[in-house]
Amino acid sequence: MHDPLSYATAIMAFVAALCWLRAGTVKVSDAEAVRRLEKRAEREGKDPIYGRMSFDGWDVRETFADQAKWNAAGALAAAFAALLQGIGVLSA
């Protein structure tokens, strides 16, 4: 039977895989990008600047930003899985 640390390691590795899968498939539509842009400008008390770049109906900047967030989450989950695995090996 496996110990709880092994299960936690496997779960975190699975979470990392899901995050990286999402990072590779996430796309932000032009409409969503404009909504975010306007919300950000309103929060900062500025006028929105609508200069953007899109490809196939997807906003490049916002898509890259979302991909970076999902990649960071995946890296954090993988680091946590590696830490748990290391603890498991050293405590055995």
Protein backbone atom coordinates (compact mmCIF):
# COMPACT_ATOMS: atom_id res chain seq x y z
CA MET A 1 0.00 0.00 0.00
CA HIS A 2 1.21 3.50 -0.79
CA ASP A 3 1.76 6.14 1.81
CA PRO A 4 -0.06 9.53 1.76
CA LEU A 5 3.12 11.28 0.60
CA SER A 6 3.17 9.18 -2.58
CA TYR A 7 -0.45 10.05 -3.28
CA ALA A 8 0.22 13.75 -2.71
CA THR A 9 3.21 13.59 -5.07
CA ALA A 10 1.13 11.91 -7.77
CA ILE A 11 -1.70 14.41 -7.37
CA MET A 12 0.66 17.39 -7.67
CA ALA A 13 2.29 15.86 -10.76
CA PHE A 14 -1.18 15.40 -12.25
CA VAL A 15 -2.06 19.03 -11.43
CA ALA A 16 1.17 20.17 -13.11
CA ALA A 17 0.30 18.18 -16.24
CA LEU A 18 -3.19 19.67 -16.37
CA CYS A 19 -1.84 23.20 -15.94
CA TRP A 20 0.67 22.71 -18.74
CA LEU A 21 -1.97 21.20 -20.98
CA ARG A 22 -4.15 24.26 -20.36
CA ALA A 23 -1.20 26.58 -21.04
CA GLY A 24 -0.81 24.97 -24.44
CA THR A 25 -4.45 25.33 -25.39
CA VAL A 26 -5.65 28.58 -23.80
CA LYS A 27 -6.75 31.33 -26.18
CA VAL A 28 -8.26 34.72 -25.37
CA SER A 29 -10.79 36.04 -27.88
CA ASP A 30 -10.66 39.59 -29.20
CA ALA A 31 -13.87 40.45 -27.34
CA GLU A 32 -12.51 39.14 -24.04
CA ALA A 33 -9.24 41.02 -24.59
CA VAL A 34 -11.10 44.29 -25.12
CA ARG A 35 -13.17 43.65 -21.99
CA ARG A 36 -9.99 43.06 -19.95
CA LEU A 37 -8.32 46.10 -21.46
CA GLU A 38 -11.24 48.35 -20.54
CA LYS A 39 -11.49 46.89 -17.05
CA ARG A 40 -7.74 47.40 -16.48
CA ALA A 41 -7.91 51.00 -17.73
CA GLU A 42 -10.92 51.73 -15.51
CA ARG A 43 -9.15 50.27 -12.48
CA GLU A 44 -6.12 52.48 -13.18
CA GLY A 45 -8.27 55.54 -13.92
CA LYS A 46 -6.94 55.88 -17.46
CA ASP A 47 -8.39 55.83 -20.95
CA PRO A 48 -8.10 52.42 -22.61
CA ILE A 49 -5.54 52.08 -25.39
CA TYR A 50 -7.03 49.79 -27.99
CA GLY A 51 -3.84 49.02 -29.92
CA ARG A 52 -3.70 45.22 -30.03
CA MET A 53 -2.49 42.37 -32.15
CA SER A 54 -4.72 39.45 -33.01
CA PHE A 55 -4.27 36.24 -34.90
CA ASP A 56 -7.16 34.08 -36.12
CA GLY A 57 -9.58 35.94 -33.83
CA TRP A 58 -7.39 35.52 -30.74
CA ASP A 59 -5.62 38.37 -28.97
CA VAL A 60 -1.89 37.66 -28.87
CA ARG A 61 -0.92 39.67 -25.77
CA GLU A 62 -3.71 38.41 -23.52
CA THR A 63 -3.26 34.83 -24.75
CA PHE A 64 0.47 34.99 -23.94
CA ALA A 65 -0.36 36.45 -20.51
CA ASP A 66 -2.78 33.60 -19.76
CA GLN A 67 -0.27 31.04 -21.02
CA ALA A 68 2.37 32.50 -18.69
CA LYS A 69 0.01 32.21 -15.71
CA TRP A 70 -0.83 28.57 -16.49
CA ASN A 71 2.85 27.74 -17.08
CA ALA A 72 3.75 29.30 -13.73
CA ALA A 73 1.04 27.28 -12.00
CA GLY A 74 2.32 24.11 -13.66
CA ALA A 75 5.89 24.84 -12.63
CA LEU A 76 4.80 25.50 -9.05
CA ALA A 77 2.85 22.22 -8.91
CA ALA A 78 5.80 20.32 -10.42
CA ALA A 79 8.20 21.90 -7.92
CA PHE A 80 5.89 20.90 -5.08
CA ALA A 81 5.69 17.35 -6.46
CA ALA A 82 9.48 17.18 -6.64
CA LEU A 83 9.76 18.49 -3.09
CA LEU A 84 7.30 15.87 -1.84
CA GLN A 85 9.15 13.15 -3.73
CA GLY A 86 12.46 14.30 -2.24
CA ILE A 87 11.00 14.26 1.26
CA GLY A 88 9.65 10.77 0.62
CA VAL A 89 12.98 9.45 -0.56
CA LEU A 90 14.96 11.03 2.25
CA SER A 91 12.56 9.93 4.95
CA ALA A 92 12.53 6.29 3.83
